[in-house]
Amino acid sequence: MNTHTLSLDLGDRSYPILIGKALLRQEGLLSPYLGGDGILIVTNETIGPLYLDTVTALLAGRKADHIILPDGEQYKNLETLNLIFSRLLECSHNRDTTLIALGGGVIGDMTGFAAACYQRGVDFIQIPTTLLAQVDSSVGGKTAVNHALGKNMIGAFHQPKAVLIDIETLETLPEREYRAGLAEVIKYGLIIDDEFFCWLEEHASELLGRQEQALSHAIEVSCRLKAKVVSADEREGGIRAILNLGHTFGHAIETQQGYNDWLHGEAVAAGMVMAARMSQRLGWLPEPEVARIESLVTSLGLPCRAPENIGSETYLEHMSVDKKARGGKIRLVLLKAIGEAVVTADYPQGDLVAVLNQASI
């Protein structure tokens, strides 16, 4: 397949998003995005054995240090972040260094945050190897770590120099993680592009089968839509908040489950259904449209229902520390229609409680 190049337009901080097959075997691919001689590749114990040597070979003879971190959302914390800082210092990296994030969303978020902090900011490159990271977390410059009391509550906006998406890396992605990434793909159709949602309904079986043409199209459209939103609102002061459809509910699930039992995409899938049900209670989304959403989520192997051990009081406790909350009010991303999202705190509390109580039924 050909390489597709998109651009995220942020003035002098604009950067390319390259999408293709076998990108990591293209000689000289990384060279245009490397500044000084210093390079630190950050990866984990799952991805490192698969792709670390391949990426190192792309560096055209430059010396690159690396660090291999434990794998899992439960390690996305300040303690693990400090391991990256220690490695940078042990290897005497300076402000001309470039960090390379080689892995999924956890590695991308932590590497980006480390780059934002180290010596007050150094360059980094995203090489996402999971579907979720390829269509969402690698694009847009959000970087963070989790806290026991809230997901992604400690972080910074720091844009990469480039995002390199090699869909060939998805061949080694476990089935559960692959399906979890499809939740973020569904999200784009729901919030901003009803035609894309219809396309997903029609091509669900091809996506589940990882059919190359369908997968490439889904990734390209997802990245294009996210780039459009981020270009208009880099720091989430307005429209970018719609990218969080399902996340306020989903983050509460992840926090309560200890960032371990549920994958991020699984929690977001259940959260999007909860947002759809809330939209229905407000009279915005008719039942047949909610049924379409639940049907697509289910057909792609994702959960429509939340864990049974979370009650409305627990949800509200976690949701109250969501980054979108303002003035003590929980702001939700809801749907006026499929393809039209809105951010609002103007809703009856009783309706929210009812949705939360029914989420696991």
Protein backbone atom coordinates (compact mmCIF):
# COMPACT_ATOMS: atom_id res chain seq x y z
CA MET A 1 0.00 0.00 0.00
CA ASN A 2 1.07 3.59 -0.55
CA THR A 3 2.12 5.87 2.27
CA HIS A 4 -0.47 8.52 3.14
CA THR A 5 0.73 11.74 4.74
CA LEU A 6 -1.58 13.98 6.74
CA SER A 7 -0.62 17.22 8.45
CA LEU A 8 -1.63 18.54 11.83
CA ASP A 9 -1.60 22.30 11.31
CA LEU A 10 -0.28 24.19 14.34
CA GLY A 11 1.79 26.89 12.70
CA ASP A 12 5.50 26.45 13.38
CA ARG A 13 4.70 23.36 15.45
CA SER A 14 2.89 21.55 12.64
CA TYR A 15 3.92 17.97 12.00
CA PRO A 16 3.23 15.09 9.62
CA ILE A 17 1.28 11.92 10.31
CA LEU A 18 2.61 9.16 8.05
CA ILE A 19 0.40 6.10 7.52
CA GLY A 20 1.49 3.06 5.56
CA LYS A 21 2.64 -0.53 5.53
CA ALA A 22 6.26 -1.47 6.25
CA LEU A 23 7.16 2.12 7.16
CA LEU A 24 9.62 0.81 9.72
CA ARG A 25 11.57 -0.80 6.94
CA GLN A 26 11.99 2.41 4.94
CA GLU A 27 15.59 3.58 5.14
CA GLY A 28 15.99 7.19 6.20
CA LEU A 29 12.43 7.47 7.47
CA LEU A 30 13.38 8.99 10.83
CA SER A 31 16.25 11.23 9.76
CA PRO A 32 14.19 14.36 8.85
CA TYR A 33 12.69 14.47 12.34
CA LEU A 34 15.85 14.08 14.40
CA GLY A 35 17.56 17.17 15.77
CA GLY A 36 20.81 16.60 17.66
CA ASP A 37 22.77 13.40 18.07
CA GLY A 38 21.10 12.30 21.30
CA ILE A 39 18.35 9.67 20.96
CA LEU A 40 16.50 7.69 23.60
CA ILE A 41 14.04 5.02 22.49
CA VAL A 42 11.38 4.32 25.10
CA THR A 43 9.57 1.01 24.73
CA ASN A 44 8.23 -1.82 26.86
CA GLU A 45 8.97 -5.47 27.50
CA THR A 46 6.34 -6.61 24.97
CA ILE A 47 7.15 -4.29 22.04
CA GLY A 48 10.91 -4.02 22.56
CA PRO A 49 11.74 -7.59 21.45
CA LEU A 50 9.55 -7.14 18.36
CA TYR A 51 10.59 -3.74 17.00
CA LEU A 52 13.46 -2.17 18.94
CA ASP A 53 16.15 -3.51 16.58
CA THR A 54 14.08 -2.47 13.54
CA VAL A 55 13.74 1.11 14.75
CA THR A 56 17.38 1.29 15.79
CA ALA A 57 18.33 0.29 12.24
CA LEU A 58 16.44 3.34 10.93
CA LEU A 59 18.76 5.72 12.75
CA ALA A 60 21.40 5.69 10.03
CA GLY A 61 24.33 4.84 12.26
CA ARG A 62 23.45 7.28 15.04
CA LYS A 63 23.99 5.99 18.56
CA ALA A 64 20.71 5.45 20.35
CA ASP A 65 20.13 4.62 23.97
CA HIS A 66 16.99 2.82 25.03
CA ILE A 67 14.91 1.92 28.05
CA ILE A 68 12.51 -1.01 28.31
CA LEU A 69 9.64 -0.41 30.73
CA PRO A 70 7.11 -2.85 32.17
CA ASP A 71 3.97 -3.28 30.07
CA GLY A 72 0.54 -2.24 31.29
CA GLU A 73 -1.70 0.70 32.18
CA GLN A 74 -0.98 0.07 35.86
CA TYR A 75 2.61 1.23 35.24
CA LYS A 76 1.58 4.58 33.74
CA ASN A 77 2.56 6.53 36.83
CA LEU A 78 5.15 8.89 38.27
CA GLU A 79 7.34 6.03 39.47
CA THR A 80 7.75 4.63 35.97
CA LEU A 81 8.12 8.11 34.50
CA ASN A 82 11.07 8.67 36.82
CA LEU A 83 12.81 5.66 35.26
CA ILE A 84 12.85 7.55 31.95
CA PHE A 85 14.35 10.64 33.59
CA SER A 86 16.99 8.50 35.30
CA ARG A 87 17.97 6.90 32.01
CA LEU A 88 18.23 10.30 30.29
CA LEU A 89 20.50 11.56 33.04
CA GLU A 90 22.61 8.39 33.24
CA CYS A 91 23.29 8.71 29.50
CA SER A 92 24.02 12.47 29.73
CA HIS A 93 21.28 13.55 27.35
CA ASN A 94 20.93 17.29 26.77
CA ARG A 95 18.37 19.64 25.21
CA ASP A 96 19.23 18.45 21.70
CA THR A 97 18.09 14.91 22.38
CA THR A 98 15.05 13.29 20.77
CA LEU A 99 12.89 10.74 22.55
CA ILE A 100 11.19 8.07 20.45
CA ALA A 101 7.99 6.52 21.80
CA LEU A 102 7.81 2.95 20.51
CA GLY A 103 4.66 1.26 21.76
CA GLY A 104 1.03 1.83 22.58
CA GLY A 105 -0.78 4.64 24.30
CA VAL A 106 0.90 4.14 27.67
CA ILE A 107 4.39 4.42 26.19
CA GLY A 108 3.37 7.35 23.99
CA ASP A 109 1.81 9.29 26.87
CA MET A 110 4.73 8.72 29.23
CA THR A 111 7.41 9.42 26.63
CA GLY A 112 5.67 12.63 25.57
CA PHE A 113 5.33 13.78 29.17
CA ALA A 114 8.98 12.96 29.84
CA ALA A 115 9.93 14.98 26.74
CA ALA A 116 7.79 17.90 27.91
CA CYS A 117 9.53 17.93 31.30
CA TYR A 118 13.14 16.98 30.63
CA GLN A 119 15.29 20.12 30.68
CA ARG A 120 12.02 22.05 30.21
CA GLY A 121 11.23 20.41 26.91
CA VAL A 122 12.90 18.25 24.25
CA ASP A 123 11.70 16.76 20.97
CA PHE A 124 9.95 13.42 20.62
CA ILE A 125 8.57 11.20 17.88
CA GLN A 126 5.57 8.89 18.10
CA ILE A 127 5.76 5.38 16.64
CA PRO A 128 2.47 3.86 17.84
CA THR A 129 2.14 0.08 17.62
CA THR A 130 -1.45 -0.42 18.81
CA LEU A 131 -4.61 0.53 16.96
CA LEU A 132 -5.80 2.72 19.82
CA ALA A 133 -2.56 4.68 19.82
CA GLN A 134 -2.50 4.95 16.03
CA VAL A 135 -5.98 6.45 15.74
CA ASP A 136 -6.02 8.53 18.90
CA SER A 137 -3.41 8.97 21.60
CA SER A 138 -0.36 9.44 19.34
CA VAL A 139 -1.98 12.44 17.61
CA GLY A 140 -2.62 15.76 19.32
CA GLY A 141 0.08 16.26 21.92
CA LYS A 142 -1.76 15.15 25.07
CA THR A 143 0.75 13.54 27.42
CA ALA A 144 0.17 12.35 30.97
CA VAL A 145 0.47 9.75 33.70
CA ASN A 146 -2.23 8.37 35.96
CA HIS A 147 -2.78 8.88 39.67
CA ALA A 148 -4.54 6.39 41.94
CA LEU A 149 -7.36 8.92 42.27
CA GLY A 150 -7.74 9.85 38.60
CA LYS A 151 -6.63 8.93 35.08
CA ASN A 152 -4.32 11.27 33.14
CA MET A 153 -4.51 13.92 35.86
CA ILE A 154 -0.78 14.77 35.75
CA GLY A 155 0.47 15.81 32.33
CA ALA A 156 1.19 18.46 29.72
CA PHE A 157 0.43 19.42 26.13
CA HIS A 158 3.56 18.66 24.11
CA GLN A 159 3.38 18.02 20.36
CA PRO A 160 5.59 15.42 18.66
CA LYS A 161 7.82 16.17 15.69
CA ALA A 162 6.13 13.41 13.70
CA VAL A 163 3.78 10.43 14.03
CA LEU A 164 4.80 7.32 12.08
CA ILE A 165 2.02 4.74 11.77
CA ASP A 166 3.06 1.38 10.34
CA ILE A 167 -0.08 -0.76 10.12
CA GLU A 168 2.12 -3.83 9.81
CA THR A 169 2.77 -3.57 13.57
CA LEU A 170 -0.90 -4.45 14.14
CA GLU A 171 -0.17 -7.99 12.94
CA THR A 172 1.41 -8.71 16.33
CA LEU A 173 -1.33 -7.00 18.35
CA PRO A 174 -3.43 -9.37 20.50
CA GLU A 175 -7.09 -9.62 19.48
CA ARG A 176 -8.47 -8.04 22.66
CA GLU A 177 -6.22 -4.98 22.33
CA TYR A 178 -7.04 -4.67 18.64
CA ARG A 179 -10.78 -4.60 19.35
CA ALA A 180 -10.24 -2.10 22.14
CA GLY A 181 -8.68 0.25 19.60
CA LEU A 182 -11.81 0.08 17.46
CA ALA A 183 -13.70 1.93 20.21
CA GLU A 184 -11.82 5.12 19.40
CA VAL A 185 -12.55 4.60 15.69
CA ILE A 186 -16.28 4.40 16.44
CA LYS A 187 -15.95 7.60 18.46
CA TYR A 188 -15.00 9.70 15.43
CA GLY A 189 -18.09 8.65 13.54
CA LEU A 190 -20.28 9.46 16.52
CA ILE A 191 -18.91 12.91 17.27
CA ILE A 192 -18.24 14.45 13.89
CA ASP A 193 -18.85 12.24 10.84
CA ASP A 194 -22.12 10.30 10.43
CA GLU A 195 -21.04 9.03 6.99
CA PHE A 196 -17.99 7.42 8.60
CA PHE A 197 -20.26 5.82 11.20
CA CYS A 198 -22.35 4.33 8.37
CA TRP A 199 -19.14 3.11 6.69
CA LEU A 200 -18.14 1.39 9.93
CA GLU A 201 -21.50 -0.35 10.10
CA GLU A 202 -21.04 -1.61 6.55
CA HIS A 203 -17.42 -2.73 7.00
CA ALA A 204 -17.41 -4.09 10.55
CA SER A 205 -16.54 -7.63 9.43
CA GLU A 206 -13.58 -6.41 7.35
CA LEU A 207 -12.27 -4.43 10.30
CA LEU A 208 -12.62 -7.39 12.63
CA GLY A 209 -10.69 -9.44 10.09
CA ARG A 210 -7.96 -6.77 9.90
CA GLN A 211 -8.51 -6.46 6.17
CA GLU A 212 -5.75 -4.14 4.99
CA GLN A 213 -7.75 -1.75 2.83
CA ALA A 214 -10.53 -1.26 5.38
CA LEU A 215 -8.07 -0.89 8.24
CA SER A 216 -5.97 1.66 6.39
CA HIS A 217 -9.08 3.69 5.55
CA ALA A 218 -10.32 3.63 9.16
CA ILE A 219 -6.95 4.78 10.50
CA GLU A 220 -6.57 7.52 7.89
CA VAL A 221 -10.07 8.93 8.46
CA SER A 222 -9.68 8.78 12.24
CA CYS A 223 -6.36 10.64 12.14
CA ARG A 224 -7.70 13.20 9.66
CA LEU A 225 -10.72 13.94 11.84
CA LYS A 226 -8.64 14.21 15.00
CA ALA A 227 -6.08 16.45 13.29
CA LYS A 228 -8.89 18.75 12.15
CA VAL A 229 -10.25 19.11 15.69
CA VAL A 230 -6.83 19.55 17.33
CA SER A 231 -5.79 22.15 14.75
CA ALA A 232 -8.86 24.19 15.72
CA ASP A 233 -8.40 23.79 19.48
CA GLU A 234 -5.00 22.52 20.58
CA ARG A 235 -5.46 22.88 24.35
CA GLU A 236 -9.06 21.77 24.69
CA GLY A 237 -10.55 25.16 25.41
CA GLY A 238 -13.55 24.42 23.22
CA ILE A 239 -14.36 21.93 20.48
CA ARG A 240 -11.53 19.49 21.29
CA ALA A 241 -13.48 18.35 24.34
CA ILE A 242 -15.81 16.38 22.03
CA LEU A 243 -12.95 13.93 21.51
CA ASN A 244 -13.70 12.75 25.03
CA LEU A 245 -17.02 11.12 24.15
CA GLY A 246 -17.39 8.17 26.52
CA HIS A 247 -14.20 9.03 28.36
CA THR A 248 -15.68 10.67 31.45
CA PHE A 249 -17.67 7.49 32.10
CA GLY A 250 -14.84 5.27 30.87
CA HIS A 251 -12.15 6.87 33.01
CA ALA A 252 -14.34 6.28 36.07
CA ILE A 253 -14.49 2.59 35.16
CA GLU A 254 -10.72 2.39 34.69
CA THR A 255 -10.00 4.22 37.94
CA GLN A 256 -12.36 2.02 39.94
CA GLN A 257 -10.92 -1.13 38.36
CA GLY A 258 -7.37 -0.07 39.21
CA TYR A 259 -6.23 0.45 35.58
CA ASN A 260 -5.92 -3.28 35.24
CA ASP A 261 -9.04 -5.36 34.55
CA TRP A 262 -10.53 -3.26 31.72
CA LEU A 263 -8.60 -1.94 28.74
CA HIS A 264 -9.03 1.75 27.95
CA GLY A 265 -10.93 1.10 24.74
CA GLU A 266 -13.28 -1.32 26.47
CA ALA A 267 -14.10 1.30 29.12
CA VAL A 268 -14.60 3.96 26.43
CA ALA A 269 -16.95 1.65 24.51
CA ALA A 270 -19.17 1.17 27.54
CA GLY A 271 -18.87 4.90 28.27
CA MET A 272 -20.06 5.84 24.77
CA VAL A 273 -23.16 3.70 25.23
CA MET A 274 -23.77 5.43 28.56
CA ALA A 275 -23.42 8.81 26.84
CA ALA A 276 -25.90 7.67 24.19
CA ARG A 277 -28.37 6.59 26.86
CA MET A 278 -27.96 9.94 28.61
CA SER A 279 -28.56 11.72 25.30
CA GLN A 280 -31.71 9.67 24.84
CA ARG A 281 -33.02 10.66 28.29
CA LEU A 282 -32.55 14.32 27.37
CA GLY A 283 -34.66 13.83 24.26
CA TRP A 284 -31.83 14.29 21.76
CA LEU A 285 -31.15 10.78 20.51
CA PRO A 286 -34.05 8.51 19.55
CA GLU A 287 -34.05 4.87 20.65
CA PRO A 288 -33.33 3.47 17.15
CA GLU A 289 -30.11 5.53 17.00
CA VAL A 290 -29.06 4.29 20.44
CA ALA A 291 -29.74 0.75 19.22
CA ARG A 292 -27.49 1.37 16.17
CA ILE A 293 -24.67 2.49 18.44
CA GLU A 294 -25.05 -0.53 20.72
CA SER A 295 -25.21 -2.82 17.69
CA LEU A 296 -21.96 -1.48 16.20
CA VAL A 297 -20.16 -1.62 19.55
CA THR A 298 -21.29 -5.22 20.04
CA SER A 299 -20.49 -6.27 16.46
CA LEU A 300 -16.91 -5.11 16.95
CA GLY A 301 -16.52 -7.24 20.05
CA LEU A 302 -16.71 -4.44 22.61
CA PRO A 303 -18.75 -4.19 25.83
CA CYS A 304 -21.97 -2.21 26.00
CA ARG A 305 -22.33 -2.64 29.75
CA ALA A 306 -20.09 -1.48 32.60
CA PRO A 307 -18.78 -3.68 35.43
CA GLU A 308 -21.44 -4.66 37.94
CA ASN A 309 -19.45 -3.51 40.97
CA ILE A 310 -19.75 0.24 40.34
CA GLY A 311 -22.72 2.18 41.69
CA SER A 312 -23.81 5.72 40.87
CA GLU A 313 -22.13 7.21 43.95
CA THR A 314 -18.79 5.69 42.97
CA TYR A 315 -19.16 6.92 39.40
CA LEU A 316 -19.95 10.45 40.56
CA GLU A 317 -16.97 10.46 42.92
CA HIS A 318 -14.57 9.59 40.11
CA MET A 319 -16.28 11.77 37.51
CA SER A 320 -16.10 14.83 39.77
CA VAL A 321 -12.32 14.96 39.29
CA ASP A 322 -12.59 14.71 35.50
CA LYS A 323 -10.53 17.37 33.70
CA LYS A 324 -13.65 18.73 31.98
CA ALA A 325 -15.40 19.46 35.29
CA ARG A 326 -15.96 23.17 35.93
CA GLY A 327 -17.27 24.89 39.05
CA GLY A 328 -18.11 21.61 40.70
CA LYS A 329 -20.27 20.47 37.75
CA ILE A 330 -19.54 17.39 35.69
CA ARG A 331 -19.49 18.29 32.00
CA LEU A 332 -20.47 15.48 29.67
CA VAL A 333 -19.90 14.91 25.98
CA LEU A 334 -23.29 13.87 24.64
CA LEU A 335 -24.90 13.39 21.23
CA LYS A 336 -27.48 15.59 19.56
CA ALA A 337 -27.36 13.05 16.74
CA ILE A 338 -24.96 10.50 15.31
CA GLY A 339 -22.22 12.73 13.95
CA GLU A 340 -23.01 15.71 16.20
CA ALA A 341 -21.54 15.94 19.70
CA VAL A 342 -22.01 18.62 22.33
CA VAL A 343 -20.34 19.35 25.68
CA THR A 344 -22.77 20.30 28.43
CA ALA A 345 -23.27 20.50 32.18
CA ASP A 346 -26.93 21.47 31.72
CA TYR A 347 -28.85 18.31 32.55
CA PRO A 348 -30.97 17.00 35.44
CA GLN A 349 -28.79 15.20 37.98
CA GLY A 350 -31.49 12.57 38.34
CA ASP A 351 -31.13 11.58 34.70
CA LEU A 352 -27.39 11.07 35.11
CA VAL A 353 -27.91 8.99 38.26
CA ALA A 354 -30.49 6.87 36.43
CA VAL A 355 -28.09 6.18 33.55
CA LEU A 356 -25.29 5.29 35.95
CA ASN A 357 -27.51 2.91 37.91
CA GLN A 358 -28.58 1.16 34.71
CA ALA A 359 -25.12 1.02 33.15
CA SER A 360 -24.35 -2.54 34.21
CA ILE A 361 -27.87 -3.99 33.91
